[in-house]
Protein backbone atom coordinates (compact mmCIF):
# COMPACT_ATOMS: atom_id res chain seq x y z
CA UNK A 1 -0.01 -0.01 -0.02
CA UNK A 2 2.76 2.40 0.94
CA UNK A 3 4.53 1.69 -2.39
CA UNK A 4 1.38 2.27 -4.30
CA UNK A 5 0.87 5.70 -2.60
CA UNK A 6 4.47 6.60 -3.31
CA UNK A 7 4.04 5.78 -6.94
CA UNK A 8 0.76 7.67 -7.08
CA UNK A 9 2.12 10.92 -5.76
CA UNK A 10 5.30 10.56 -7.84
CA UNK A 11 3.08 10.41 -10.95
CA UNK A 12 1.33 13.63 -9.87
CA UNK A 13 4.48 15.40 -8.84
CA UNK A 14 6.22 14.66 -12.12
CA UNK A 15 3.08 15.43 -14.20
CA UNK A 16 3.04 12.01 -15.62
CA UNK A 17 2.27 12.14 -19.38
CA UNK A 18 -0.46 9.40 -19.35
CA UNK A 19 -2.25 11.06 -16.46
CA UNK A 20 -2.15 14.53 -18.19
CA UNK A 21 -3.37 13.15 -21.50
CA UNK A 22 -6.24 11.20 -19.98
CA UNK A 23 -7.30 14.13 -17.76
CA UNK A 24 -7.12 16.60 -20.65
CA UNK A 25 -9.30 14.41 -22.80
CA UNK A 26 -11.83 13.95 -20.04
CA UNK A 27 -11.94 17.66 -19.48
CA UNK A 28 -12.40 18.59 -23.10
CA UNK A 29 -15.11 15.95 -23.61
CA UNK A 30 -17.07 16.85 -20.45
CA UNK A 31 -16.85 20.60 -20.94
CA UNK A 32 -18.02 20.22 -24.59
CA UNK A 33 -20.90 18.07 -23.44
CA UNK A 34 -21.87 20.54 -20.71
CA UNK A 35 -21.80 23.47 -23.15
CA UNK A 36 -24.18 21.64 -25.51
CA UNK A 37 -26.39 20.79 -22.52
CA UNK A 38 -26.48 24.42 -21.42
CA UNK A 39 -27.19 25.74 -24.92
CA UNK A 40 -30.18 23.39 -25.31
CA UNK A 41 -31.22 22.76 -21.72
CA UNK A 42 -31.43 26.38 -20.35
CA UNK A 43 -33.72 27.75 -23.12
CA UNK A 44 -35.88 24.60 -23.07
CA UNK A 45 -36.22 24.61 -19.26
CA UNK A 46 -36.94 28.31 -19.15
CA UNK A 47 -39.64 28.05 -21.87
CA UNK A 48 -41.29 25.20 -20.09
CA UNK A 49 -41.33 27.24 -16.85
CA UNK A 50 -43.19 30.24 -18.39
CA UNK A 51 -45.17 28.75 -21.32
CA UNK A 52 -48.72 27.37 -21.01
CA UNK A 53 -49.81 24.92 -23.69
CA UNK A 54 -51.67 21.57 -24.04
CA UNK A 55 -49.48 18.70 -23.02
CA UNK A 56 -47.08 20.69 -21.06
CA UNK A 57 -47.43 18.60 -17.99
CA UNK A 58 -46.60 15.48 -20.09
CA UNK A 59 -43.50 17.12 -21.48
CA UNK A 60 -42.31 18.19 -18.00
CA UNK A 61 -42.93 14.70 -16.75
CA UNK A 62 -40.97 13.18 -19.63
CA UNK A 63 -38.14 15.62 -19.07
CA UNK A 64 -37.97 14.70 -15.41
CA UNK A 65 -37.94 11.04 -16.47
CA UNK A 66 -35.04 11.61 -18.76
CA UNK A 67 -33.00 12.89 -15.86
CA UNK A 68 -32.70 9.17 -14.77
CA UNK A 69 -31.74 7.89 -18.12
CA UNK A 70 -29.36 4.80 -17.63
CA UNK A 71 -26.04 5.83 -19.18
CA UNK A 72 -25.59 2.26 -20.67
CA UNK A 73 -28.80 2.48 -22.54
CA UNK A 74 -27.90 5.99 -23.87
CA UNK A 75 -24.56 4.53 -25.05
CA UNK A 76 -26.33 1.50 -26.70
CA UNK A 77 -28.75 3.79 -28.63
CA UNK A 78 -25.93 6.02 -29.76
CA UNK A 79 -23.87 3.01 -30.70
CA UNK A 80 -26.73 1.73 -32.98
CA UNK A 81 -27.06 5.17 -34.49
CA UNK A 82 -23.44 5.71 -35.12
CA UNK A 83 -22.54 2.16 -36.17
CA UNK A 84 -21.82 1.33 -39.76
CA UNK A 85 -25.36 0.10 -40.34
CA UNK A 86 -26.85 3.12 -38.51
CA UNK A 87 -28.03 6.35 -40.14
CA UNK A 88 -24.81 8.28 -39.12
CA UNK A 89 -22.41 5.36 -39.78
CA UNK A 90 -20.83 6.92 -42.93
CA UNK A 91 -19.61 9.85 -40.68
CA UNK A 92 -17.26 7.44 -38.84
CA UNK A 93 -17.95 8.94 -35.34
CA UNK A 94 -18.22 5.76 -33.43
CA UNK A 95 -15.11 5.26 -31.02
CA UNK A 96 -14.20 8.92 -31.27
CA UNK A 97 -14.28 11.70 -28.72
CA UNK A 98 -17.23 13.24 -30.68
CA UNK A 99 -19.33 10.20 -29.91
CA UNK A 100 -18.36 10.61 -26.25
CA UNK A 101 -19.41 14.23 -26.21
CA UNK A 102 -22.76 13.25 -27.75
CA UNK A 103 -23.31 10.61 -25.16
CA UNK A 104 -22.52 12.95 -22.20
CA UNK A 105 -24.59 15.78 -23.76
CA UNK A 106 -27.59 13.48 -23.99
CA UNK A 107 -27.19 12.77 -20.29
CA UNK A 108 -26.52 16.42 -19.22
CA UNK A 109 -29.23 18.09 -21.30
CA UNK A 110 -32.30 16.83 -19.45
CA UNK A 111 -30.67 17.50 -16.12
CA UNK A 112 -29.87 21.12 -17.13
CA UNK A 113 -33.39 21.59 -18.55
CA UNK A 114 -35.19 20.21 -15.42
CA UNK A 115 -33.09 22.31 -12.96
CA UNK A 116 -33.54 25.38 -15.11
CA UNK A 117 -37.29 24.86 -15.29
CA UNK A 118 -37.50 24.85 -11.47
CA UNK A 119 -35.18 27.87 -10.98
CA UNK A 120 -37.09 29.97 -13.56
CA UNK A 121 -40.44 28.83 -12.36
CA UNK A 122 -39.55 30.08 -8.79
CA UNK A 123 -38.37 33.45 -10.30
CA UNK A 124 -41.56 33.70 -12.40
CA UNK A 125 -43.68 33.54 -9.26
CA UNK A 126 -42.15 36.86 -8.18
CA UNK A 127 -41.63 38.57 -11.52
CA UNK A 128 -44.14 36.86 -13.86
CA UNK A 129 -47.09 39.26 -13.33
CA UNK A 130 -44.91 42.25 -13.94
CA UNK A 131 -43.43 40.74 -17.14
CA UNK A 132 -46.88 39.81 -18.36
CA UNK A 133 -48.08 43.30 -17.73
CA UNK A 134 -45.44 44.40 -20.19
CA UNK A 135 -47.12 42.12 -22.76
CA UNK A 136 -43.95 40.13 -23.29
CA UNK A 137 -44.26 36.85 -25.16
CA UNK A 138 -43.33 33.55 -23.48
CA UNK A 139 -39.89 33.36 -25.18
CA UNK A 140 -39.04 36.93 -24.22
CA UNK A 141 -40.16 36.38 -20.66
CA UNK A 142 -38.01 33.23 -20.59
CA UNK A 143 -34.95 35.28 -21.75
CA UNK A 144 -35.56 37.91 -19.07
CA UNK A 145 -35.85 35.33 -16.40
CA UNK A 146 -32.76 33.46 -17.56
CA UNK A 147 -30.77 36.70 -17.27
CA UNK A 148 -32.34 37.38 -13.84
CA UNK A 149 -31.38 33.87 -12.54
CA UNK A 150 -28.05 33.53 -14.27
CA UNK A 151 -26.12 33.03 -11.16
CA UNK A 152 -28.53 30.52 -9.69
CA UNK A 153 -28.37 28.58 -12.95
CA UNK A 154 -24.74 27.74 -12.11
CA UNK A 155 -26.27 25.01 -10.06
CA UNK A 156 -27.45 23.34 -13.19
CA UNK A 157 -24.07 23.69 -14.90
CA UNK A 158 -22.28 22.23 -11.89
CA UNK A 159 -24.73 19.32 -11.72
CA UNK A 160 -24.24 18.69 -15.43
CA UNK A 161 -20.51 18.83 -15.18
CA UNK A 162 -20.55 16.44 -12.20
CA UNK A 163 -22.60 13.99 -14.23
CA UNK A 164 -20.60 14.31 -17.36
CA UNK A 165 -17.10 14.06 -15.84
CA UNK A 166 -17.98 11.08 -13.60
CA UNK A 167 -19.80 9.13 -16.32
CA UNK A 168 -18.50 5.77 -17.43
CA UNK A 169 -21.18 3.55 -19.06
CA UNK A 170 -22.07 5.47 -22.08
CA UNK A 171 -18.67 6.73 -22.91
CA UNK A 172 -17.23 3.22 -22.68
CA UNK A 173 -19.92 1.90 -25.13
CA UNK A 174 -19.47 4.57 -27.82
CA UNK A 175 -15.75 5.42 -27.07
CA UNK A 176 -14.24 2.00 -26.62
CA UNK A 177 -11.64 3.16 -24.06
CA UNK A 178 -8.96 3.22 -26.75
CA UNK A 179 -5.52 4.08 -25.31
CA UNK A 180 -4.45 7.58 -26.31
CA UNK A 181 -7.70 8.22 -28.18
CA UNK A 182 -10.86 7.78 -26.17
CA UNK A 183 -9.67 6.84 -22.67
CA UNK A 184 -11.18 9.13 -20.02
CA UNK A 185 -10.43 9.18 -16.44
CA UNK A 186 -13.43 7.10 -15.30
CA UNK A 187 -12.84 4.36 -17.92
CA UNK A 188 -9.06 4.40 -17.29
CA UNK A 189 -9.64 3.98 -13.55
CA UNK A 190 -11.84 1.02 -14.13
CA UNK A 191 -9.43 -0.59 -16.54
CA UNK A 192 -6.20 0.12 -14.60
CA UNK A 193 -7.74 -1.13 -11.33
CA UNK A 194 -8.59 -4.43 -13.15
CA UNK A 195 -5.04 -4.57 -14.58
CA UNK A 196 -3.52 -3.96 -11.15
CA UNK A 197 -1.94 -0.56 -11.93
CA UNK A 198 -3.41 0.94 -8.83
CA UNK A 199 -0.91 3.88 -8.78
CA UNK A 200 -2.30 5.25 -12.18
CA UNK A 201 -5.88 4.61 -11.00
CA UNK A 202 -5.40 6.47 -7.77
CA UNK A 203 -3.59 9.32 -9.51
CA UNK A 204 -6.50 9.75 -11.96
CA UNK A 205 -8.95 9.47 -9.19
CA UNK A 206 -7.15 12.27 -7.25
CA UNK A 207 -7.16 14.43 -10.36
CA UNK A 208 -10.90 13.82 -10.91
CA UNK A 209 -11.70 14.81 -7.33
CA UNK A 210 -9.44 17.88 -7.69
CA UNK A 211 -11.16 19.05 -10.83
CA UNK A 212 -14.62 18.73 -9.19
CA UNK A 213 -13.41 20.67 -6.18
CA UNK A 214 -11.81 23.35 -8.21
CA UNK A 215 -14.93 23.86 -10.38
CA UNK A 216 -17.21 24.03 -7.39
CA UNK A 217 -14.89 26.37 -5.59
CA UNK A 218 -14.86 28.78 -8.57
CA UNK A 219 -18.65 28.61 -8.80
CA UNK A 220 -18.94 29.40 -5.12
CA UNK A 221 -16.54 32.40 -5.44
CA UNK A 222 -18.64 33.68 -8.50
CA UNK A 223 -21.84 33.25 -6.54
CA UNK A 224 -20.41 35.13 -3.56
CA UNK A 225 -19.25 37.98 -5.87
CA UNK A 226 -22.68 38.12 -7.44
CA UNK A 227 -24.38 38.22 -3.97
CA UNK A 228 -22.17 41.12 -2.92
CA UNK A 229 -22.69 42.97 -6.14
CA UNK A 230 -26.37 42.55 -6.34
CA UNK A 231 -27.23 42.24 -2.62
């Protein structure tokens, strides 16, 4: 155990090339997926919070159900879509980082949309009457409320990042865990643990925990700054 810990910290201290490459790929894939999730999920969630239309309750219920999508099922569906016999097979996206981004984005988007809907709905209870008195359409009210709750919506971004960066099932199916190409921190931790290379697995685990802590700390600082500025 002592030797394993020594090797782990040695890898981190010397900025081991394998650790850096895997961590950088994981970060790129997850941040790209979260960006897609925010671009789609925030407008969708805000619109559902302020709009009133037939079938809205069913859409909201479906959105909430999608928050619990099993990652392996998402990976399987994307695998079928991206495989050679699938509709997007000719693009050759299977077992590439692009496929991994798509998988994580599918998982992140419903989460962002559902959390955004709740945050914006709460804000609409306080500002909705005033905005409706200005005869603003539902999309314009949604945009105003998104801006008003922009700092609160960081919670949705953090939740999406947490789910994306820690995901293993879907990215393993569509990425293939190819060394130097599609190996992320979570898939590498699983593989290296099975192989017995515990120092690499622990080093990646510490990096993963560190990234999550840093992102949450930055978000907390930003929220604190916003509270002081607008308090």
